[in-house]
PDB file of N, CA and C in Angstrom:
ATOM      1  N   MET A   1       0.862  -1.062   0.077  1.00  0.00           N
ATOM      2  CA  MET A   1      -0.040   0.011  -0.093  1.00  0.00           C
ATOM      3  C   MET A   1       0.871   1.199   0.027  1.00  0.00           C
ATOM      4  N   ALA A   2       0.622   2.162  -0.897  1.00  0.00           N
ATOM      5  CA  ALA A   2       1.409   3.350  -1.049  1.00  0.00           C
ATOM      6  C   ALA A   2       1.115   4.354   0.085  1.00  0.00           C
ATOM      7  N   SER A   3       1.997   5.145   0.561  1.00  0.00           N
ATOM      8  CA  SER A   3       1.807   6.063   1.561  1.00  0.00           C
ATOM      9  C   SER A   3       1.079   7.265   0.956  1.00  0.00           C
ATOM     10  N   ASN A   4       0.241   7.916   1.674  1.00  0.00           N
ATOM     11  CA  ASN A   4      -0.338   9.153   1.237  1.00  0.00           C
ATOM     12  C   ASN A   4       0.550  10.452   1.504  1.00  0.00           C
ATOM     13  N   PHE A   5       1.586  10.150   2.348  1.00  0.00           N
ATOM     14  CA  PHE A   5       2.446  11.418   2.808  1.00  0.00           C
ATOM     15  C   PHE A   5       3.513  11.557   1.698  1.00  0.00           C
ATOM     16  N   THR A   6       3.986  12.894   1.541  1.00  0.00           N
ATOM     17  CA  THR A   6       4.919  13.163   0.492  1.00  0.00           C
ATOM     18  C   THR A   6       5.638  14.274   1.438  1.00  0.00           C
ATOM     19  N   THR A   7       6.723  14.729   0.731  1.00  0.00           N
ATOM     20  CA  THR A   7       7.502  15.759   1.476  1.00  0.00           C
ATOM     21  C   THR A   7       6.948  17.100   1.376  1.00  0.00           C
ATOM     22  N   ALA A   8       5.927  17.366   0.490  1.00  0.00           N
ATOM     23  CA  ALA A   8       5.437  18.646   0.341  1.00  0.00           C
ATOM     24  C   ALA A   8       3.877  18.718   1.011  1.00  0.00           C
ATOM     25  N   GLY A   9       3.373  17.601   1.343  1.00  0.00           N
ATOM     26  CA  GLY A   9       2.000  17.614   1.752  1.00  0.00           C
ATOM     27  C   GLY A   9       1.386  16.358   2.076  1.00  0.00           C
ATOM     28  N   VAL A  10       0.045  16.194   2.067  1.00  0.00           N
ATOM     29  CA  VAL A  10      -0.582  14.946   2.363  1.00  0.00           C
ATOM     30  C   VAL A  10      -1.786  14.816   1.399  1.00  0.00           C
ATOM     31  N   ALA A  11      -2.156  13.750   0.840  1.00  0.00           N
ATOM     32  CA  ALA A  11      -3.442  13.568   0.133  1.00  0.00           C
ATOM     33  C   ALA A  11      -4.531  13.028   1.135  1.00  0.00           C
ATOM     34  N   ILE A  12      -5.540  13.876   1.098  1.00  0.00           N
ATOM     35  CA  ILE A  12      -6.747  13.634   1.859  1.00  0.00           C
ATOM     36  C   ILE A  12      -7.987  13.580   0.968  1.00  0.00           C
ATOM     37  N   GLY A  13      -8.690  12.546   0.939  1.00  0.00           N
ATOM     38  CA  GLY A  13      -9.827  12.400   0.049  1.00  0.00           C
ATOM     39  C   GLY A  13      -9.614  12.759  -1.385  1.00  0.00           C
ATOM     40  N   GLY A  14      -8.421  12.349  -1.927  1.00  0.00           N
ATOM     41  CA  GLY A  14      -8.227  12.551  -3.342  1.00  0.00           C
ATOM     42  C   GLY A  14      -7.692  14.107  -3.551  1.00  0.00           C
ATOM     43  N   GLU A  15      -7.673  14.949  -2.572  1.00  0.00           N
ATOM     44  CA  GLU A  15      -7.049  16.265  -2.576  1.00  0.00           C
ATOM     45  C   GLU A  15      -5.704  16.290  -2.002  1.00  0.00           C
ATOM     46  N   PHE A  16      -4.845  17.172  -2.632  1.00  0.00           N
ATOM     47  CA  PHE A  16      -3.481  17.288  -2.023  1.00  0.00           C
ATOM     48  C   PHE A  16      -3.609  18.419  -1.153  1.00  0.00           C
ATOM     49  N   VAL A  17      -3.141  18.334   0.171  1.00  0.00           N
ATOM     50  CA  VAL A  17      -3.225  19.360   1.147  1.00  0.00           C
ATOM     51  C   VAL A  17      -1.825  19.673   1.648  1.00  0.00           C
ATOM     52  N   THR A  18      -1.439  21.006   1.667  1.00  0.00           N
ATOM     53  CA  THR A  18      -0.142  21.366   2.334  1.00  0.00           C
ATOM     54  C   THR A  18      -0.418  22.081   3.541  1.00  0.00           C
ATOM     55  N   ALA A  19       0.504  22.153   4.398  1.00  0.00           N
ATOM     56  CA  ALA A  19       0.436  23.090   5.637  1.00  0.00           C
ATOM     57  C   ALA A  19       0.716  24.496   5.216  1.00  0.00           C
ATOM     58  N   LEU A  20      -0.143  25.448   5.896  1.00  0.00           N
ATOM     59  CA  LEU A  20       0.068  26.829   5.756  1.00  0.00           C
ATOM     60  C   LEU A  20       1.286  27.222   6.567  1.00  0.00           C
ATOM     61  N   ALA A  21       1.532  26.648   7.640  1.00  0.00           N
ATOM     62  CA  ALA A  21       2.658  26.891   8.592  1.00  0.00           C
ATOM     63  C   ALA A  21       2.934  25.656   9.540  1.00  0.00           C
ATOM     64  N   TRP A  22       4.128  25.609   9.977  1.00  0.00           N
ATOM     65  CA  TRP A  22       4.417  24.633  11.125  1.00  0.00           C
ATOM     66  C   TRP A  22       5.571  25.118  11.906  1.00  0.00           C
ATOM     67  N   ALA A  23       5.706  24.731  13.073  1.00  0.00           N
ATOM     68  CA  ALA A  23       6.822  25.076  13.947  1.00  0.00           C
ATOM     69  C   ALA A  23       7.080  23.935  14.976  1.00  0.00           C
ATOM     70  N   ASN A  24       8.451  23.926  15.225  1.00  0.00           N
ATOM     71  CA  ASN A  24       8.909  23.127  16.288  1.00  0.00           C
ATOM     72  C   ASN A  24       9.624  24.066  17.224  1.00  0.00           C
ATOM     73  N   PHE A  25       9.213  24.264  18.439  1.00  0.00           N
ATOM     74  CA  PHE A  25       9.718  25.121  19.326  1.00  0.00           C
ATOM     75  C   PHE A  25       9.987  24.803  20.767  1.00  0.00           C
ATOM     76  N   ASP A  26      10.843  25.515  21.512  1.00  0.00           N
ATOM     77  CA  ASP A  26      11.106  25.301  22.823  1.00  0.00           C
ATOM     78  C   ASP A  26      10.480  26.330  23.597  1.00  0.00           C
ATOM     79  N   GLY A  27       9.456  25.929  24.536  1.00  0.00           N
ATOM     80  CA  GLY A  27       8.659  26.885  25.341  1.00  0.00           C
ATOM     81  C   GLY A  27       9.129  27.025  26.716  1.00  0.00           C
ATOM     82  N   THR A  28      10.432  26.760  26.988  1.00  0.00           N
ATOM     83  CA  THR A  28      11.050  27.012  28.322  1.00  0.00           C
ATOM     84  C   THR A  28      11.958  28.142  28.239  1.00  0.00           C
ATOM     85  N   GLY A  29      12.219  28.695  29.486  1.00  0.00           N
ATOM     86  CA  GLY A  29      13.217  29.795  29.501  1.00  0.00           C
ATOM     87  C   GLY A  29      13.099  30.942  28.479  1.00  0.00           C
ATOM     88  N   THR A  30      14.169  31.134  27.617  1.00  0.00           N
ATOM     89  CA  THR A  30      14.087  32.133  26.585  1.00  0.00           C
ATOM     90  C   THR A  30      13.552  31.375  25.427  1.00  0.00           C
ATOM     91  N   VAL A  31      12.218  31.409  25.243  1.00  0.00           N
ATOM     92  CA  VAL A  31      11.648  30.495  24.128  1.00  0.00           C
ATOM     93  C   VAL A  31      12.190  30.837  22.903  1.00  0.00           C
ATOM     94  N   SER A  32      12.288  29.731  21.989  1.00  0.00           N
ATOM     95  CA  SER A  32      12.818  29.941  20.586  1.00  0.00           C
ATOM     96  C   SER A  32      12.202  28.817  19.676  1.00  0.00           C
ATOM     97  N   ILE A  33      12.156  29.302  18.444  1.00  0.00           N
ATOM     98  CA  ILE A  33      11.753  28.407  17.372  1.00  0.00           C
ATOM     99  C   ILE A  33      12.954  27.627  16.923  1.00  0.00           C
ATOM    100  N   ARG A  34      12.934  26.319  16.921  1.00  0.00           N
ATOM    101  CA  ARG A  34      14.045  25.447  16.476  1.00  0.00           C
ATOM    102  C   ARG A  34      13.954  25.570  14.864  1.00  0.00           C
ATOM    103  N   ASP A  35      12.777  25.256  14.318  1.00  0.00           N
ATOM    104  CA  ASP A  35      12.670  25.280  12.810  1.00  0.00           C
ATOM    105  C   ASP A  35      11.219  25.450  12.628  1.00  0.00           C
ATOM    106  N   SER A  36      10.843  26.135  11.323  1.00  0.00           N
ATOM    107  CA  SER A  36       9.578  26.414  11.171  1.00  0.00           C
ATOM    108  C   SER A  36       9.449  26.757   9.705  1.00  0.00           C
ATOM    109  N   TYR A  37       8.127  26.885   9.164  1.00  0.00           N
ATOM    110  CA  TYR A  37       7.809  27.352   7.916  1.00  0.00           C
ATOM    111  C   TYR A  37       6.498  28.159   8.200  1.00  0.00           C
ATOM    112  N   GLY A  38       6.565  29.298   7.588  1.00  0.00           N
ATOM    113  CA  GLY A  38       5.221  30.232   7.698  1.00  0.00           C
ATOM    114  C   GLY A  38       5.110  30.927   8.982  1.00  0.00           C
ATOM    115  N   PHE A  39       6.102  30.838   9.840  1.00  0.00           N
ATOM    116  CA  PHE A  39       6.016  31.601  11.160  1.00  0.00           C
ATOM    117  C   PHE A  39       7.158  32.498  11.174  1.00  0.00           C
ATOM    118  N   SER A  40       6.929  33.813  11.731  1.00  0.00           N
ATOM    119  CA  SER A  40       8.074  34.781  11.857  1.00  0.00           C
ATOM    120  C   SER A  40       8.662  34.769  13.154  1.00  0.00           C
ATOM    121  N   SER A  41       7.799  34.567  14.181  1.00  0.00           N
ATOM    122  CA  SER A  41       8.248  34.727  15.596  1.00  0.00           C
ATOM    123  C   SER A  41       7.389  33.999  16.630  1.00  0.00           C
ATOM    124  N   LEU A  42       7.937  33.862  17.782  1.00  0.00           N
ATOM    125  CA  LEU A  42       7.259  33.321  18.923  1.00  0.00           C
ATOM    126  C   LEU A  42       7.358  34.248  20.096  1.00  0.00           C
ATOM    127  N   THR A  43       6.227  34.446  20.735  1.00  0.00           N
ATOM    128  CA  THR A  43       6.102  35.256  22.062  1.00  0.00           C
ATOM    129  C   THR A  43       5.762  34.428  23.171  1.00  0.00           C
ATOM    130  N   ASP A  44       6.545  34.571  24.213  1.00  0.00           N
ATOM    131  CA  ASP A  44       6.134  33.929  25.556  1.00  0.00           C
ATOM    132  C   ASP A  44       5.242  34.935  26.298  1.00  0.00           C
ATOM    133  N   LEU A  45       3.862  34.411  26.457  1.00  0.00           N
ATOM    134  CA  LEU A  45       2.855  35.241  27.062  1.00  0.00           C
ATOM    135  C   LEU A  45       2.722  34.994  28.562  1.00  0.00           C
ATOM    136  N   ALA A  46       2.897  33.794  29.213  1.00  0.00           N
ATOM    137  CA  ALA A  46       2.909  33.556  30.456  1.00  0.00           C
ATOM    138  C   ALA A  46       3.306  31.852  30.484  1.00  0.00           C
ATOM    139  N   VAL A  47       3.358  31.357  31.698  1.00  0.00           N
ATOM    140  CA  VAL A  47       3.648  30.019  31.928  1.00  0.00           C
ATOM    141  C   VAL A  47       2.602  29.255  31.099  1.00  0.00           C
ATOM    142  N   GLY A  48       3.178  28.193  30.209  1.00  0.00           N
ATOM    143  CA  GLY A  48       2.298  27.444  29.460  1.00  0.00           C
ATOM    144  C   GLY A  48       1.473  28.196  28.290  1.00  0.00           C
ATOM    145  N   ASN A  49       1.699  29.305  27.887  1.00  0.00           N
ATOM    146  CA  ASN A  49       0.990  30.126  26.840  1.00  0.00           C
ATOM    147  C   ASN A  49       2.004  30.858  26.048  1.00  0.00           C
ATOM    148  N   TRP A  50       1.842  30.656  24.784  1.00  0.00           N
ATOM    149  CA  TRP A  50       2.813  31.357  23.708  1.00  0.00           C
ATOM    150  C   TRP A  50       1.935  31.735  22.628  1.00  0.00           C
ATOM    151  N   GLU A  51       2.481  32.633  21.746  1.00  0.00           N
ATOM    152  CA  GLU A  51       1.838  33.257  20.683  1.00  0.00           C
ATOM    153  C   GLU A  51       2.800  32.910  19.385  1.00  0.00           C
ATOM    154  N   LEU A  52       2.218  32.414  18.411  1.00  0.00           N
ATOM    155  CA  LEU A  52       2.961  32.057  17.198  1.00  0.00           C
ATOM    156  C   LEU A  52       2.469  33.115  16.147  1.00  0.00           C
ATOM    157  N   ASN A  53       3.458  33.838  15.529  1.00  0.00           N
ATOM    158  CA  ASN A  53       3.145  34.904  14.543  1.00  0.00           C
ATOM    159  C   ASN A  53       3.419  34.441  13.268  1.00  0.00           C
ATOM    160  N   PHE A  54       2.427  34.550  12.283  1.00  0.00           N
ATOM    161  CA  PHE A  54       2.684  34.173  10.903  1.00  0.00           C
ATOM    162  C   PHE A  54       3.573  35.099  10.158  1.00  0.00           C
ATOM    163  N   SER A  55       4.235  34.499   9.168  1.00  0.00           N
ATOM    164  CA  SER A  55       5.113  35.353   8.301  1.00  0.00           C
ATOM    165  C   SER A  55       4.302  36.277   7.400  1.00  0.00           C
ATOM    166  N   SER A  56       3.244  35.810   7.004  1.00  0.00           N
ATOM    167  CA  SER A  56       2.292  36.508   6.062  1.00  0.00           C
ATOM    168  C   SER A  56       0.886  36.513   6.675  1.00  0.00           C
ATOM    169  N   THR A  57       0.193  37.627   6.306  1.00  0.00           N
ATOM    170  CA  THR A  57      -1.314  37.731   6.850  1.00  0.00           C
ATOM    171  C   THR A  57      -2.007  36.789   6.063  1.00  0.00           C
ATOM    172  N   LEU A  58      -2.853  35.921   6.706  1.00  0.00           N
ATOM    173  CA  LEU A  58      -3.754  34.929   6.104  1.00  0.00           C
ATOM    174  C   LEU A  58      -4.927  35.609   5.548  1.00  0.00           C
ATOM    175  N   GLY A  59      -5.495  34.955   4.616  1.00  0.00           N
ATOM    176  CA  GLY A  59      -6.881  35.510   4.158  1.00  0.00           C
ATOM    177  C   GLY A  59      -8.078  35.517   5.022  1.00  0.00           C
ATOM    178  N   ASN A  60      -8.074  34.587   5.962  1.00  0.00           N
ATOM    179  CA  ASN A  60      -8.942  34.350   7.095  1.00  0.00           C
ATOM    180  C   ASN A  60      -8.604  33.662   8.239  1.00  0.00           C
ATOM    181  N   ALA A  61      -9.313  33.573   9.180  1.00  0.00           N
ATOM    182  CA  ALA A  61      -8.887  32.852  10.485  1.00  0.00           C
ATOM    183  C   ALA A  61      -9.623  31.562  10.619  1.00  0.00           C
ATOM    184  N   ASN A  62     -10.026  31.068   9.448  1.00  0.00           N
ATOM    185  CA  ASN A  62     -10.827  29.678   9.616  1.00  0.00           C
ATOM    186  C   ASN A  62      -9.843  28.600   9.217  1.00  0.00           C
ATOM    187  N   TYR A  63      -8.907  28.388   9.983  1.00  0.00           N
ATOM    188  CA  TYR A  63      -7.898  27.338   9.915  1.00  0.00           C
ATOM    189  C   TYR A  63      -7.912  26.300  11.127  1.00  0.00           C
ATOM    190  N   VAL A  64      -7.183  25.319  10.997  1.00  0.00           N
ATOM    191  CA  VAL A  64      -7.058  24.253  11.985  1.00  0.00           C
ATOM    192  C   VAL A  64      -5.651  24.291  12.409  1.00  0.00           C
ATOM    193  N   VAL A  65      -5.485  24.050  13.780  1.00  0.00           N
ATOM    194  CA  VAL A  65      -4.189  23.852  14.396  1.00  0.00           C
ATOM    195  C   VAL A  65      -4.014  22.464  14.969  1.00  0.00           C
ATOM    196  N   SER A  66      -3.034  21.733  14.651  1.00  0.00           N
ATOM    197  CA  SER A  66      -2.773  20.443  15.198  1.00  0.00           C
ATOM    198  C   SER A  66      -1.494  20.775  16.071  1.00  0.00           C
ATOM    199  N   SER A  67      -1.591  20.348  17.297  1.00  0.00           N
ATOM    200  CA  SER A  67      -0.471  20.688  18.166  1.00  0.00           C
ATOM    201  C   SER A  67      -0.117  19.408  19.052  1.00  0.00           C
ATOM    202  N   SER A  68       1.140  19.539  19.524  1.00  0.00           N
ATOM    203  CA  SER A  68       1.627  18.274  20.280  1.00  0.00           C
ATOM    204  C   SER A  68       2.909  18.813  21.002  1.00  0.00           C
ATOM    205  N   GLY A  69       3.342  17.952  21.935  1.00  0.00           N
ATOM    206  CA  GLY A  69       4.438  18.141  22.611  1.00  0.00           C
ATOM    207  C   GLY A  69       4.924  17.002  23.322  1.00  0.00           C
ATOM    208  N   ASN A  70       6.111  16.867  23.991  1.00  0.00           N
ATOM    209  CA  ASN A  70       6.585  15.766  24.766  1.00  0.00           C
ATOM    210  C   ASN A  70       7.548  16.139  25.940  1.00  0.00           C
ATOM    211  N   ILE A  71       7.016  15.839  27.034  1.00  0.00           N
ATOM    212  CA  ILE A  71       7.796  15.989  28.209  1.00  0.00           C
ATOM    213  C   ILE A  71       7.814  14.730  29.005  1.00  0.00           C
ATOM    214  N   GLY A  72       7.185  13.737  28.577  1.00  0.00           N
ATOM    215  CA  GLY A  72       6.999  12.410  29.174  1.00  0.00           C
ATOM    216  C   GLY A  72       5.967  12.353  30.205  1.00  0.00           C
ATOM    217  N   SER A  73       5.087  13.408  30.269  1.00  0.00           N
ATOM    218  CA  SER A  73       3.984  13.268  31.275  1.00  0.00           C
ATOM    219  C   SER A  73       2.699  12.938  30.764  1.00  0.00           C
ATOM    220  N   TYR A  74       2.053  11.958  31.408  1.00  0.00           N
ATOM    221  CA  TYR A  74       0.796  11.415  30.981  1.00  0.00           C
ATOM    222  C   TYR A  74      -0.332  12.547  31.321  1.00  0.00           C
ATOM    223  N   GLY A  75      -1.253  12.777  30.458  1.00  0.00           N
ATOM    224  CA  GLY A  75      -2.311  13.853  30.739  1.00  0.00           C
ATOM    225  C   GLY A  75      -2.025  15.233  30.389  1.00  0.00           C
ATOM    226  N   ASP A  76      -0.806  15.457  29.735  1.00  0.00           N
ATOM    227  CA  ASP A  76      -0.723  16.732  29.063  1.00  0.00           C
ATOM    228  C   ASP A  76      -1.780  17.191  28.077  1.00  0.00           C
ATOM    229  N   GLN A  77      -2.118  18.304  28.020  1.00  0.00           N
ATOM    230  CA  GLN A  77      -3.064  18.766  26.988  1.00  0.00           C
ATOM    231  C   GLN A  77      -2.542  19.957  26.248  1.00  0.00           C
ATOM    232  N   TYR A  78      -2.732  19.973  24.919  1.00  0.00           N
ATOM    233  CA  TYR A  78      -2.221  21.037  24.025  1.00  0.00           C
ATOM    234  C   TYR A  78      -3.440  21.692  23.416  1.00  0.00           C
ATOM    235  N   GLY A  79      -3.486  22.933  23.402  1.00  0.00           N
ATOM    236  CA  GLY A  79      -4.558  23.699  22.635  1.00  0.00           C
ATOM    237  C   GLY A  79      -4.117  24.990  21.965  1.00  0.00           C
ATOM    238  N   SER A  80      -5.071  25.440  21.268  1.00  0.00           N
ATOM    239  CA  SER A  80      -4.861  26.789  20.574  1.00  0.00           C
ATOM    240  C   SER A  80      -6.124  27.558  20.700  1.00  0.00           C
ATOM    241  N   GLN A  81      -5.907  28.873  20.685  1.00  0.00           N
ATOM    242  CA  GLN A  81      -7.116  29.818  20.751  1.00  0.00           C
ATOM    243  C   GLN A  81      -6.748  31.123  20.304  1.00  0.00           C
ATOM    244  N   ALA A  82      -7.545  32.027  20.302  1.00  0.00           N
ATOM    245  CA  ALA A  82      -7.351  33.402  19.756  1.00  0.00           C
ATOM    246  C   ALA A  82      -6.934  33.461  18.254  1.00  0.00           C
ATOM    247  N   PHE A  83      -7.665  32.637  17.453  1.00  0.00           N
ATOM    248  CA  PHE A  83      -7.182  32.541  16.122  1.00  0.00           C
ATOM    249  C   PHE A  83      -7.388  33.827  15.385  1.00  0.00           C
ATOM    250  N   GLY A  84      -6.247  34.457  14.751  1.00  0.00           N
ATOM    251  CA  GLY A  84      -6.236  35.581  13.912  1.00  0.00           C
ATOM    252  C   GLY A  84      -5.667  35.384  12.700  1.00  0.00           C
ATOM    253  N   THR A  85      -5.651  36.346  11.885  1.00  0.00           N
ATOM    254  CA  THR A  85      -4.949  36.314  10.513  1.00  0.00           C
ATOM    255  C   THR A  85      -3.445  36.546  10.533  1.00  0.00           C
ATOM    256  N   THR A  86      -3.009  37.006  11.687  1.00  0.00           N
ATOM    257  CA  THR A  86      -1.694  37.212  11.845  1.00  0.00           C
ATOM    258  C   THR A  86      -0.778  36.304  12.848  1.00  0.00           C
ATOM    259  N   LYS A  87      -1.642  35.724  13.757  1.00  0.00           N
ATOM    260  CA  LYS A  87      -1.134  35.066  15.006  1.00  0.00           C
ATOM    261  C   LYS A  87      -2.184  34.166  15.500  1.00  0.00           C
ATOM    262  N   PHE A  88      -1.793  33.152  16.307  1.00  0.00           N
ATOM    263  CA  PHE A  88      -2.656  32.500  17.318  1.00  0.00           C
ATOM    264  C   PHE A  88      -1.973  32.213  18.624  1.00  0.00           C
ATOM    265  N   GLN A  89      -2.688  31.727  19.532  1.00  0.00           N
ATOM    266  CA  GLN A  89      -2.174  31.439  20.851  1.00  0.00           C
ATOM    267  C   GLN A  89      -2.173  29.935  21.094  1.00  0.00           C
ATOM    268  N   PHE A  90      -1.159  29.494  21.664  1.00  0.00           N
ATOM    269  CA  PHE A  90      -0.971  28.008  21.904  1.00  0.00           C
ATOM    270  C   PHE A  90      -0.626  27.756  23.464  1.00  0.00           C
ATOM    271  N   ASN A  91      -1.223  26.642  23.941  1.00  0.00           N
ATOM    272  CA  ASN A  91      -1.111  26.481  25.392  1.00  0.00           C
ATOM    273  C   ASN A  91      -0.828  25.087  25.686  1.00  0.00           C
ATOM    274  N   CYS A  92      -0.252  24.756  26.790  1.00  0.00           N
ATOM    275  CA  CYS A  92      -0.029  23.406  27.367  1.00  0.00           C
ATOM    276  C   CYS A  92      -0.464  23.420  28.863  1.00  0.00           C
ATOM    277  N   SER A  93      -1.204  22.422  29.296  1.00  0.00           N
ATOM    278  CA  SER A  93      -1.644  22.222  30.665  1.00  0.00           C
ATOM    279  C   SER A  93      -1.598  20.887  31.029  1.00  0.00           C
ATOM    280  N   SER A  94      -1.556  20.523  32.381  1.00  0.00           N
ATOM    281  CA  SER A  94      -1.589  19.315  32.982  1.00  0.00           C
ATOM    282  C   SER A  94      -2.585  19.434  34.051  1.00  0.00           C
ATOM    283  N   GLY A  95      -3.654  18.796  34.018  1.00  0.00           N
ATOM    284  CA  GLY A  95      -4.748  19.039  35.024  1.00  0.00           C
ATOM    285  C   GLY A  95      -5.312  20.428  34.813  1.00  0.00           C
ATOM    286  N   SER A  96      -5.248  21.333  35.887  1.00  0.00           N
ATOM    287  CA  SER A  96      -5.770  22.586  35.833  1.00  0.00           C
ATOM    288  C   SER A  96      -4.696  23.603  35.775  1.00  0.00           C
ATOM    289  N   ALA A  97      -3.449  23.171  35.656  1.00  0.00           N
ATOM    290  CA  ALA A  97      -2.353  24.139  35.767  1.00  0.00           C
ATOM    291  C   ALA A  97      -1.582  24.118  34.416  1.00  0.00           C
ATOM    292  N   TYR A  98      -1.238  25.415  33.987  1.00  0.00           N
ATOM    293  CA  TYR A  98      -0.472  25.538  32.751  1.00  0.00           C
ATOM    294  C   TYR A  98       1.009  25.198  33.018  1.00  0.00           C
ATOM    295  N   LYS A  99       1.695  24.785  32.088  1.00  0.00           N
ATOM    296  CA  LYS A  99       3.133  24.550  32.183  1.00  0.00           C
ATOM    297  C   LYS A  99       3.941  24.719  30.962  1.00  0.00           C
ATOM    298  N   ASP A 100       5.245  25.029  31.113  1.00  0.00           N
ATOM    299  CA  ASP A 100       6.070  25.059  30.045  1.00  0.00           C
ATOM    300  C   ASP A 100       6.548  23.789  29.636  1.00  0.00           C
ATOM    301  N   GLN A 101       6.991  23.676  28.378  1.00  0.00           N
ATOM    302  CA  GLN A 101       7.631  22.430  27.820  1.00  0.00           C
ATOM    303  C   GLN A 101       8.653  22.728  26.912  1.00  0.00           C
ATOM    304  N   ALA A 102       9.679  21.844  26.815  1.00  0.00           N
ATOM    305  CA  ALA A 102      10.796  22.017  25.934  1.00  0.00           C
ATOM    306  C   ALA A 102      10.600  21.682  24.492  1.00  0.00           C
ATOM    307  N   GLN A 103       9.662  20.847  24.277  1.00  0.00           N
ATOM    308  CA  GLN A 103       9.434  20.188  23.005  1.00  0.00           C
ATOM    309  C   GLN A 103       8.002  20.482  22.563  1.00  0.00           C
ATOM    310  N   LEU A 104       7.738  21.455  21.683  1.00  0.00           N
ATOM    311  CA  LEU A 104       6.398  21.718  21.256  1.00  0.00           C
ATOM    312  C   LEU A 104       6.242  21.804  19.803  1.00  0.00           C
ATOM    313  N   ASN A 105       5.113  21.480  19.184  1.00  0.00           N
ATOM    314  CA  ASN A 105       4.888  21.446  17.842  1.00  0.00           C
ATOM    315  C   ASN A 105       3.529  22.012  17.400  1.00  0.00           C
ATOM    316  N   ALA A 106       3.449  22.775  16.360  1.00  0.00           N
ATOM    317  CA  ALA A 106       2.066  23.206  15.868  1.00  0.00           C
ATOM    318  C   ALA A 106       2.240  23.093  14.308  1.00  0.00           C
ATOM    319  N   THR A 107       1.098  22.680  13.673  1.00  0.00           N
ATOM    320  CA  THR A 107       0.844  22.719  12.225  1.00  0.00           C
ATOM    321  C   THR A 107      -0.502  23.432  12.037  1.00  0.00           C
ATOM    322  N   VAL A 108      -0.445  24.119  11.093  1.00  0.00           N
ATOM    323  CA  VAL A 108      -1.636  24.903  10.596  1.00  0.00           C
ATOM    324  C   VAL A 108      -2.043  24.462   9.178  1.00  0.00           C
ATOM    325  N   PHE A 109      -3.320  24.035   9.124  1.00  0.00           N
ATOM    326  CA  PHE A 109      -3.966  23.653   7.881  1.00  0.00           C
ATOM    327  C   PHE A 109      -5.189  24.524   7.624  1.00  0.00           C
ATOM    328  N   GLY A 110      -5.308  25.070   6.309  1.00  0.00           N
ATOM    329  CA  GLY A 110      -6.408  25.867   5.870  1.00  0.00           C
ATOM    330  C   GLY A 110      -6.340  26.321   4.696  1.00  0.00           C
ATOM    331  N   ASP A 111      -7.130  27.131   4.055  1.00  0.00           N
ATOM    332  CA  ASP A 111      -6.932  27.613   2.743  1.00  0.00           C
ATOM    333  C   ASP A 111      -6.260  29.090   2.672  1.00  0.00           C
ATOM    334  N   GLY A 112      -5.944  29.431   3.765  1.00  0.00           N
ATOM    335  CA  GLY A 112      -5.126  30.839   3.940  1.00  0.00           C
ATOM    336  C   GLY A 112      -5.865  31.928   3.384  1.00  0.00           C
TER     337      GLY A 112
END
């Protein structure tokens, strides 16, 4: 069976879809983007809360963010909010407490 994944995107339901933007970043100490596409910068808002800024203004804010991280803790939750055409907010929590993590990832899909 052939894989649907390619180096530029993914085939979903017969359509070829590419990410508008993606980032691999460190959310601890002095936050930094390790590698990315479509993002210009990262802002540390508070413990467990960051803002990812797009390189270019999107045509609308109707996009989807897939997020993940890895600290080895069971029950960590990742989310995004405050969707805008120039940026969105990303957060990580465990239970009711927000927390910083060293390995975080976000991918944005939409028609831009």
